[in-house]
Amino acid sequence: MGKLLYAPICSLDGFVEDATGSFAWAAPDEEVHQFANDLERGIGTQLYGRGMYETMRFWQDPPADLTPVSAEYAEVWQAAHKVVFSRTLEAVDTPRTELVREFTADVVQELKAATTGDLSVGGAGLAAEALRAGLVDELHLIAVPVVVGSGKPALPPDLRLELELLDLRRFGNGTVCLSYGLSQTSV
């Protein structure tokens, strides 16, 4: 049975986008990007909402002038199975991708049981649903050294979870990754 991971890149104050919807400040340097590649390499299935899927589609046909680390990420992304949860998206247009109309705990539990690898949830909105449903097994919070003040939160503001520190990684640019196991009991 696979684990469900959530690994947002966020500001130090916990936002994945600032108030203008920008996340340019979160672009990883080569060291952080390689770490993300290594984390994603173990993912067999990626779960997305519509917005995150539309953002990530870039990696299906990226430009030829990518850095080696970015080109490696494109290969990792293309190799993973993708499940897009959307009531409004007409169709998906990338290989190894399926469209599911309704996000439910049962669907995610079936995916976790059926996979030999781990799963990841991408996008703060879908991750909030997965966290509320007690489906997320590990949180890898990648915090960049910037404070943006407001925007889209990486974690839902109305949820309290018990966490167990699994690892702490510091990068040369000041970014840190805090890795936690989640207790499936909210308090």
Protein backbone atom coordinates (compact mmCIF):
# COMPACT_ATOMS: atom_id res chain seq x y z
CA MET A 1 0.00 0.00 0.00
CA GLY A 2 1.37 3.37 -0.99
CA LYS A 3 1.70 6.43 1.22
CA LEU A 4 0.14 9.76 0.24
CA LEU A 5 2.63 12.65 0.40
CA TYR A 6 2.03 16.38 0.22
CA ALA A 7 5.14 18.45 -0.54
CA PRO A 8 4.31 22.11 -1.11
CA ILE A 9 6.94 24.75 -1.80
CA CYS A 10 5.80 27.71 0.28
CA SER A 11 6.87 30.98 1.83
CA LEU A 12 8.13 31.00 5.40
CA ASP A 13 4.71 32.34 6.45
CA GLY A 14 3.01 29.38 4.78
CA PHE A 15 1.69 30.52 1.39
CA VAL A 16 2.06 28.72 -1.95
CA GLU A 17 0.99 31.85 -3.86
CA ASP A 18 1.15 35.48 -2.82
CA ALA A 19 -1.85 37.84 -2.87
CA THR A 20 -1.40 38.44 -6.63
CA GLY A 21 -1.42 34.70 -7.40
CA SER A 22 2.32 34.67 -8.15
CA PHE A 23 4.66 31.94 -7.01
CA ALA A 24 7.74 33.12 -8.94
CA TRP A 25 9.47 33.71 -5.58
CA ALA A 26 9.25 29.92 -4.97
CA ALA A 27 11.30 28.84 -8.00
CA PRO A 28 13.80 26.30 -6.64
CA ASP A 29 17.51 26.56 -7.28
CA GLU A 30 19.35 23.49 -8.62
CA GLU A 31 19.96 21.94 -5.18
CA VAL A 32 16.32 22.26 -4.07
CA HIS A 33 15.09 21.14 -7.49
CA GLN A 34 17.26 18.01 -7.30
CA PHE A 35 15.79 17.28 -3.86
CA ALA A 36 12.28 17.62 -5.33
CA ASN A 37 13.26 15.29 -8.18
CA ASP A 38 14.49 12.69 -5.71
CA LEU A 39 11.30 13.00 -3.66
CA GLU A 40 9.06 12.73 -6.74
CA ARG A 41 10.99 9.81 -8.23
CA GLY A 42 9.31 7.45 -5.75
CA ILE A 43 5.84 8.68 -6.68
CA GLY A 44 3.86 6.31 -8.87
CA THR A 45 0.64 8.36 -8.93
CA GLN A 46 0.15 12.11 -8.67
CA LEU A 47 -3.21 13.54 -7.62
CA TYR A 48 -4.15 17.00 -8.92
CA GLY A 49 -7.01 19.42 -8.95
CA ARG A 50 -7.70 21.25 -12.18
CA GLY A 51 -5.56 24.31 -11.46
CA MET A 52 -2.44 22.39 -10.46
CA TYR A 53 -2.83 19.98 -13.39
CA GLU A 54 -3.04 22.90 -15.82
CA THR A 55 0.13 24.38 -14.26
CA MET A 56 2.01 21.08 -14.31
CA ARG A 57 1.10 20.22 -17.93
CA PHE A 58 4.12 22.37 -18.82
CA TRP A 59 6.32 19.36 -18.00
CA GLN A 60 4.72 17.18 -20.71
CA ASP A 61 6.29 19.19 -23.53
CA PRO A 62 8.89 21.50 -21.98
CA PRO A 63 11.30 23.65 -23.99
CA ALA A 64 14.52 22.02 -25.16
CA ASP A 65 16.78 24.43 -23.26
CA LEU A 66 16.03 23.11 -19.76
CA THR A 67 18.82 22.64 -17.26
CA PRO A 68 19.74 18.98 -16.68
CA VAL A 69 17.91 18.99 -13.32
CA SER A 70 14.76 20.44 -14.89
CA ALA A 71 14.95 17.96 -17.78
CA GLU A 72 15.21 15.16 -15.23
CA TYR A 73 12.09 16.46 -13.49
CA ALA A 74 10.21 16.47 -16.79
CA GLU A 75 11.07 12.77 -17.20
CA VAL A 76 9.94 11.99 -13.65
CA TRP A 77 6.66 13.87 -14.19
CA GLN A 78 5.96 12.22 -17.52
CA ALA A 79 6.59 8.73 -16.10
CA ALA A 80 4.07 9.09 -13.24
CA HIS A 81 0.41 8.18 -13.49
CA LYS A 82 -1.73 11.28 -12.97
CA VAL A 83 -5.28 11.52 -11.61
CA VAL A 84 -7.03 14.85 -12.08
CA PHE A 85 -10.06 15.57 -9.89
CA SER A 86 -12.32 18.09 -11.60
CA ARG A 87 -16.03 18.62 -12.16
CA THR A 88 -15.42 21.26 -14.86
CA LEU A 89 -12.47 20.06 -16.94
CA GLU A 90 -13.75 18.62 -20.23
CA ALA A 91 -10.86 16.23 -20.81
CA VAL A 92 -7.19 15.61 -20.01
CA ASP A 93 -4.64 15.75 -22.80
CA THR A 94 -1.48 14.25 -21.33
CA PRO A 95 -0.49 10.56 -21.43
CA ARG A 96 -0.85 8.43 -18.32
CA THR A 97 -3.58 10.76 -17.04
CA GLU A 98 -7.16 10.05 -16.02
CA LEU A 99 -9.98 12.40 -15.12
CA VAL A 100 -12.12 11.70 -12.06
CA ARG A 101 -15.15 13.92 -11.46
CA GLU A 102 -15.39 13.66 -7.66
CA PHE A 103 -12.71 13.62 -4.98
CA THR A 104 -13.66 11.08 -2.32
CA ALA A 105 -11.74 9.34 0.41
CA ASP A 106 -12.80 5.97 -1.04
CA VAL A 107 -11.26 6.74 -4.43
CA VAL A 108 -7.97 7.79 -2.83
CA GLN A 109 -7.93 4.75 -0.52
CA GLU A 110 -8.41 2.51 -3.58
CA LEU A 111 -5.52 4.25 -5.34
CA LYS A 112 -3.31 3.86 -2.26
CA ALA A 113 -4.15 0.15 -2.02
CA ALA A 114 -3.59 -0.49 -5.73
CA THR A 115 -0.17 1.14 -6.12
CA THR A 116 3.26 -0.28 -5.43
CA GLY A 117 4.76 3.21 -5.21
CA ASP A 118 3.74 6.22 -3.22
CA LEU A 119 1.25 8.89 -4.24
CA SER A 120 1.47 12.66 -4.03
CA VAL A 121 -1.21 15.29 -3.83
CA GLY A 122 -0.48 18.53 -5.65
CA GLY A 123 -2.26 21.80 -5.09
CA ALA A 124 -3.28 23.39 -1.82
CA GLY A 125 -7.02 23.03 -2.42
CA LEU A 126 -6.97 19.30 -3.12
CA ALA A 127 -4.38 18.76 -0.39
CA ALA A 128 -6.70 20.51 2.10
CA GLU A 129 -9.45 18.02 1.22
CA ALA A 130 -7.02 15.10 1.59
CA LEU A 131 -5.72 16.43 4.91
CA ARG A 132 -9.26 16.93 6.26
CA ALA A 133 -10.13 13.36 5.20
CA GLY A 134 -7.08 11.96 7.04
CA LEU A 135 -5.56 10.60 3.84
CA VAL A 136 -2.13 12.29 3.90
CA ASP A 137 0.61 10.16 5.47
CA GLU A 138 3.57 12.52 5.12
CA LEU A 139 3.99 16.28 4.81
CA HIS A 140 7.21 17.64 3.31
CA LEU A 141 6.97 21.39 3.81
CA ILE A 142 9.59 23.08 1.62
CA ALA A 143 9.86 26.62 3.01
CA VAL A 144 11.73 29.25 1.03
CA PRO A 145 13.25 32.23 2.87
CA VAL A 146 10.64 34.81 1.94
CA VAL A 147 7.60 36.24 3.72
CA VAL A 148 4.75 37.22 1.37
CA GLY A 149 2.15 38.33 3.93
CA SER A 150 -0.96 36.78 2.39
CA GLY A 151 -2.18 34.63 -0.46
CA LYS A 152 -3.13 30.97 -0.86
CA PRO A 153 -2.17 28.98 2.25
CA ALA A 154 -0.24 25.74 1.87
CA LEU A 155 -2.18 24.25 4.78
CA PRO A 156 -5.85 24.78 5.59
CA PRO A 157 -6.23 27.37 8.35
CA ASP A 158 -9.10 25.50 10.04
CA LEU A 159 -7.36 22.18 10.60
CA ARG A 160 -5.22 20.99 13.49
CA LEU A 161 -3.02 17.91 13.07
CA GLU A 162 -0.57 16.06 15.26
CA LEU A 163 2.77 15.74 13.46
CA GLU A 164 5.88 13.66 14.05
CA LEU A 165 9.15 15.13 12.76
CA LEU A 166 10.74 12.65 10.36
CA ASP A 167 13.54 14.77 8.92
CA LEU A 168 14.90 18.28 8.55
CA ARG A 169 16.93 19.32 5.53
CA ARG A 170 18.68 22.66 5.09
CA PHE A 171 19.74 23.93 1.67
CA GLY A 172 22.47 26.38 0.73
CA ASN A 173 20.01 29.08 -0.37
CA GLY A 174 18.27 29.15 3.04
CA THR A 175 15.35 26.93 2.03
CA VAL A 176 14.44 24.19 4.50
CA CYS A 177 12.38 21.04 4.16
CA LEU A 178 10.50 19.94 7.25
CA SER A 179 9.28 16.36 6.83
CA TYR A 180 6.53 15.08 9.10
CA GLY A 181 4.49 11.94 9.55
CA LEU A 182 0.83 12.66 10.22
CA SER A 183 -1.17 11.14 12.98
CA GLN A 184 -4.54 10.23 11.51
CA THR A 185 -6.27 11.68 14.57
CA SER A 186 -7.01 15.40 14.45
CA VAL A 187 -7.16 17.28 17.72
